[in-house]
């Protein structure tokens, strides 16, 4: 009888292969009839997309929003456009109170509109009227 010691590299590799990543790759291969190499490539790409679009640190008064990239041409169907994840500060107590005190409620709305459109533009995105309407319902 051959006794395997704990430092056996084959046994270690078998244990390392039993993780969530490899389980997902195996599931992709089976569900979509892919070779393991193609399934791993899909997993890597989706993992990259997920980290790019969901790993956003927010502070108080901010939201994460998917907006159309500023590089996209006008008239392109919304489903075909490249989106970017942006951070928008919907509420900034200090400047909002100043705008409210100086210009009233209409001035506050104008101030917030200017802030979020400038933030989107600075992050390489453009907001549509539909986006602005949707974002205005939060504040």
C-alpha atoms as a PDB file:
ATOM      1  CA  UNK A   1       0.000   0.000   0.000  1.00  0.00           C
ATOM      2  CA  UNK A   2       1.323   3.438  -0.981  1.00  0.00           C
ATOM      3  CA  UNK A   3       0.880   6.166   1.547  1.00  0.00           C
ATOM      4  CA  UNK A   4       0.412   9.715   0.206  1.00  0.00           C
ATOM      5  CA  UNK A   5       1.779  12.546   2.258  1.00  0.00           C
ATOM      6  CA  UNK A   6      -0.048  15.860   2.654  1.00  0.00           C
ATOM      7  CA  UNK A   7       2.399  17.785   0.491  1.00  0.00           C
ATOM      8  CA  UNK A   8       1.441  15.752  -2.570  1.00  0.00           C
ATOM      9  CA  UNK A   9       1.039  18.290  -5.398  1.00  0.00           C
ATOM     10  CA  UNK A  10      -1.611  16.219  -7.151  1.00  0.00           C
ATOM     11  CA  UNK A  11      -3.823  16.186  -4.064  1.00  0.00           C
ATOM     12  CA  UNK A  12      -3.272  19.904  -3.526  1.00  0.00           C
ATOM     13  CA  UNK A  13      -4.261  20.693  -7.112  1.00  0.00           C
ATOM     14  CA  UNK A  14      -7.399  18.584  -6.734  1.00  0.00           C
ATOM     15  CA  UNK A  15      -8.413  20.561  -3.639  1.00  0.00           C
ATOM     16  CA  UNK A  16      -7.633  23.892  -5.305  1.00  0.00           C
ATOM     17  CA  UNK A  17      -9.830  22.928  -8.255  1.00  0.00           C
ATOM     18  CA  UNK A  18     -12.817  22.598  -5.912  1.00  0.00           C
ATOM     19  CA  UNK A  19     -13.692  26.271  -5.716  1.00  0.00           C
ATOM     20  CA  UNK A  20     -16.505  28.515  -6.926  1.00  0.00           C
ATOM     21  CA  UNK A  21     -14.621  29.678 -10.023  1.00  0.00           C
ATOM     22  CA  UNK A  22     -14.064  26.155 -11.311  1.00  0.00           C
ATOM     23  CA  UNK A  23     -17.627  25.153 -10.438  1.00  0.00           C
ATOM     24  CA  UNK A  24     -18.971  28.056 -12.505  1.00  0.00           C
ATOM     25  CA  UNK A  25     -16.637  27.248 -15.405  1.00  0.00           C
ATOM     26  CA  UNK A  26     -17.776  23.628 -15.346  1.00  0.00           C
ATOM     27  CA  UNK A  27     -21.435  24.746 -15.236  1.00  0.00           C
ATOM     28  CA  UNK A  28     -20.885  27.083 -18.220  1.00  0.00           C
ATOM     29  CA  UNK A  29     -19.248  24.270 -20.173  1.00  0.00           C
ATOM     30  CA  UNK A  30     -22.156  21.906 -19.526  1.00  0.00           C
ATOM     31  CA  UNK A  31     -25.026  24.406 -19.883  1.00  0.00           C
ATOM     32  CA  UNK A  32     -23.777  25.954 -23.132  1.00  0.00           C
ATOM     33  CA  UNK A  33     -21.945  22.932 -24.539  1.00  0.00           C
ATOM     34  CA  UNK A  34     -18.557  24.697 -24.452  1.00  0.00           C
ATOM     35  CA  UNK A  35     -15.061  23.337 -24.218  1.00  0.00           C
ATOM     36  CA  UNK A  36     -13.441  23.976 -20.829  1.00  0.00           C
ATOM     37  CA  UNK A  37     -11.049  26.492 -22.395  1.00  0.00           C
ATOM     38  CA  UNK A  38     -13.888  28.509 -23.970  1.00  0.00           C
ATOM     39  CA  UNK A  39     -15.921  28.301 -20.742  1.00  0.00           C
ATOM     40  CA  UNK A  40     -12.938  29.648 -18.792  1.00  0.00           C
ATOM     41  CA  UNK A  41     -12.536  32.499 -21.305  1.00  0.00           C
ATOM     42  CA  UNK A  42     -16.223  33.396 -20.890  1.00  0.00           C
ATOM     43  CA  UNK A  43     -15.880  33.271 -17.130  1.00  0.00           C
ATOM     44  CA  UNK A  44     -12.847  35.581 -17.217  1.00  0.00           C
ATOM     45  CA  UNK A  45     -14.609  38.092 -19.457  1.00  0.00           C
ATOM     46  CA  UNK A  46     -17.828  38.132 -17.407  1.00  0.00           C
ATOM     47  CA  UNK A  47     -15.812  38.414 -14.210  1.00  0.00           C
ATOM     48  CA  UNK A  48     -14.018  41.441 -15.674  1.00  0.00           C
ATOM     49  CA  UNK A  49     -17.343  43.039 -16.697  1.00  0.00           C
ATOM     50  CA  UNK A  50     -18.810  42.415 -13.268  1.00  0.00           C
ATOM     51  CA  UNK A  51     -15.877  43.992 -11.440  1.00  0.00           C
ATOM     52  CA  UNK A  52     -15.884  46.945 -13.838  1.00  0.00           C
ATOM     53  CA  UNK A  53     -19.582  47.713 -13.398  1.00  0.00           C
ATOM     54  CA  UNK A  54     -20.287  46.739  -9.833  1.00  0.00           C
ATOM     55  CA  UNK A  55     -17.205  47.589  -7.825  1.00  0.00           C
ATOM     56  CA  UNK A  56     -18.081  51.213  -7.088  1.00  0.00           C
ATOM     57  CA  UNK A  57     -17.359  52.811  -3.710  1.00  0.00           C
ATOM     58  CA  UNK A  58     -20.052  55.306  -2.733  1.00  0.00           C
ATOM     59  CA  UNK A  59     -20.191  57.933  -0.045  1.00  0.00           C
ATOM     60  CA  UNK A  60     -23.166  59.669   1.529  1.00  0.00           C
ATOM     61  CA  UNK A  61     -25.565  61.187  -1.004  1.00  0.00           C
ATOM     62  CA  UNK A  62     -24.074  59.285  -3.988  1.00  0.00           C
ATOM     63  CA  UNK A  63     -25.510  56.649  -6.289  1.00  0.00           C
ATOM     64  CA  UNK A  64     -24.040  54.403  -8.948  1.00  0.00           C
ATOM     65  CA  UNK A  65     -25.661  54.771 -12.368  1.00  0.00           C
ATOM     66  CA  UNK A  66     -25.206  53.142 -15.791  1.00  0.00           C
ATOM     67  CA  UNK A  67     -25.085  55.816 -18.479  1.00  0.00           C
ATOM     68  CA  UNK A  68     -24.249  55.856 -22.166  1.00  0.00           C
ATOM     69  CA  UNK A  69     -20.610  56.534 -22.962  1.00  0.00           C
ATOM     70  CA  UNK A  70     -19.889  60.001 -24.354  1.00  0.00           C
ATOM     71  CA  UNK A  71     -18.028  58.329 -27.235  1.00  0.00           C
ATOM     72  CA  UNK A  72     -21.189  56.762 -28.655  1.00  0.00           C
ATOM     73  CA  UNK A  73     -22.701  58.398 -31.751  1.00  0.00           C
ATOM     74  CA  UNK A  74     -26.185  59.899 -31.720  1.00  0.00           C
ATOM     75  CA  UNK A  75     -29.003  57.782 -33.103  1.00  0.00           C
ATOM     76  CA  UNK A  76     -27.531  54.428 -32.064  1.00  0.00           C
ATOM     77  CA  UNK A  77     -30.042  52.067 -30.433  1.00  0.00           C
ATOM     78  CA  UNK A  78     -29.732  52.144 -26.635  1.00  0.00           C
ATOM     79  CA  UNK A  79     -29.202  48.365 -26.430  1.00  0.00           C
ATOM     80  CA  UNK A  80     -26.165  48.610 -28.709  1.00  0.00           C
ATOM     81  CA  UNK A  81     -24.446  51.495 -26.935  1.00  0.00           C
ATOM     82  CA  UNK A  82     -21.504  51.079 -24.609  1.00  0.00           C
ATOM     83  CA  UNK A  83     -22.416  51.959 -21.043  1.00  0.00           C
ATOM     84  CA  UNK A  84     -20.169  53.189 -18.261  1.00  0.00           C
ATOM     85  CA  UNK A  85     -20.765  53.062 -14.544  1.00  0.00           C
ATOM     86  CA  UNK A  86     -20.631  56.508 -12.986  1.00  0.00           C
ATOM     87  CA  UNK A  87     -20.959  57.923  -9.477  1.00  0.00           C
ATOM     88  CA  UNK A  88     -23.379  60.789  -9.056  1.00  0.00           C
ATOM     89  CA  UNK A  89     -23.718  62.930  -5.945  1.00  0.00           C
ATOM     90  CA  UNK A  90     -27.450  63.584  -5.817  1.00  0.00           C
ATOM     91  CA  UNK A  91     -27.305  65.485  -2.541  1.00  0.00           C
ATOM     92  CA  UNK A  92     -24.597  67.824  -1.374  1.00  0.00           C
ATOM     93  CA  UNK A  93     -25.972  69.486   1.750  1.00  0.00           C
ATOM     94  CA  UNK A  94     -23.629  72.499   1.801  1.00  0.00           C
ATOM     95  CA  UNK A  95     -24.037  73.641  -1.793  1.00  0.00           C
ATOM     96  CA  UNK A  96     -27.700  72.588  -1.965  1.00  0.00           C
ATOM     97  CA  UNK A  97     -28.607  74.793   1.004  1.00  0.00           C
ATOM     98  CA  UNK A  98     -26.720  77.726  -0.512  1.00  0.00           C
ATOM     99  CA  UNK A  99     -28.558  77.325  -3.824  1.00  0.00           C
ATOM    100  CA  UNK A 100     -31.885  77.008  -2.024  1.00  0.00           C
ATOM    101  CA  UNK A 101     -31.238  80.105   0.103  1.00  0.00           C
ATOM    102  CA  UNK A 102     -29.979  82.210  -2.819  1.00  0.00           C
ATOM    103  CA  UNK A 103     -32.278  81.126  -5.659  1.00  0.00           C
ATOM    104  CA  UNK A 104     -35.233  79.219  -4.182  1.00  0.00           C
ATOM    105  CA  UNK A 105     -36.563  75.818  -5.153  1.00  0.00           C
ATOM    106  CA  UNK A 106     -36.170  76.365  -8.906  1.00  0.00           C
ATOM    107  CA  UNK A 107     -32.550  77.390  -8.329  1.00  0.00           C
ATOM    108  CA  UNK A 108     -31.944  74.257  -6.260  1.00  0.00           C
ATOM    109  CA  UNK A 109     -33.294  72.047  -9.062  1.00  0.00           C
ATOM    110  CA  UNK A 110     -31.116  73.865 -11.625  1.00  0.00           C
ATOM    111  CA  UNK A 111     -28.084  73.528  -9.354  1.00  0.00           C
ATOM    112  CA  UNK A 112     -28.615  69.756  -8.929  1.00  0.00           C
ATOM    113  CA  UNK A 113     -29.199  69.294 -12.650  1.00  0.00           C
ATOM    114  CA  UNK A 114     -25.954  71.097 -13.453  1.00  0.00           C
ATOM    115  CA  UNK A 115     -24.075  69.063 -10.845  1.00  0.00           C
ATOM    116  CA  UNK A 116     -25.171  65.621 -12.037  1.00  0.00           C
ATOM    117  CA  UNK A 117     -24.749  66.406 -15.748  1.00  0.00           C
ATOM    118  CA  UNK A 118     -21.249  67.810 -15.108  1.00  0.00           C
ATOM    119  CA  UNK A 119     -20.303  64.768 -13.004  1.00  0.00           C
ATOM    120  CA  UNK A 120     -21.512  62.404 -15.732  1.00  0.00           C
ATOM    121  CA  UNK A 121     -19.612  64.331 -18.409  1.00  0.00           C
ATOM    122  CA  UNK A 122     -16.426  64.391 -16.317  1.00  0.00           C
ATOM    123  CA  UNK A 123     -16.663  60.590 -16.017  1.00  0.00           C
ATOM    124  CA  UNK A 124     -17.081  60.071 -19.775  1.00  0.00           C
ATOM    125  CA  UNK A 125     -20.854  59.634 -19.894  1.00  0.00           C
ATOM    126  CA  UNK A 126     -23.852  61.616 -21.088  1.00  0.00           C
ATOM    127  CA  UNK A 127     -27.286  61.684 -19.478  1.00  0.00           C
ATOM    128  CA  UNK A 128     -30.459  61.673 -21.559  1.00  0.00           C
ATOM    129  CA  UNK A 129     -33.647  63.501 -20.606  1.00  0.00           C
ATOM    130  CA  UNK A 130     -34.986  60.128 -19.528  1.00  0.00           C
ATOM    131  CA  UNK A 131     -31.950  59.602 -17.242  1.00  0.00           C
ATOM    132  CA  UNK A 132     -32.330  63.054 -15.719  1.00  0.00           C
ATOM    133  CA  UNK A 133     -36.042  62.508 -15.123  1.00  0.00           C
ATOM    134  CA  UNK A 134     -35.346  59.178 -13.452  1.00  0.00           C
ATOM    135  CA  UNK A 135     -32.542  60.615 -11.305  1.00  0.00           C
ATOM    136  CA  UNK A 136     -34.689  63.613 -10.297  1.00  0.00           C
ATOM    137  CA  UNK A 137     -37.203  61.284  -8.701  1.00  0.00           C
ATOM    138  CA  UNK A 138     -34.556  60.242  -6.139  1.00  0.00           C
ATOM    139  CA  UNK A 139     -33.950  63.708  -4.749  1.00  0.00           C
END
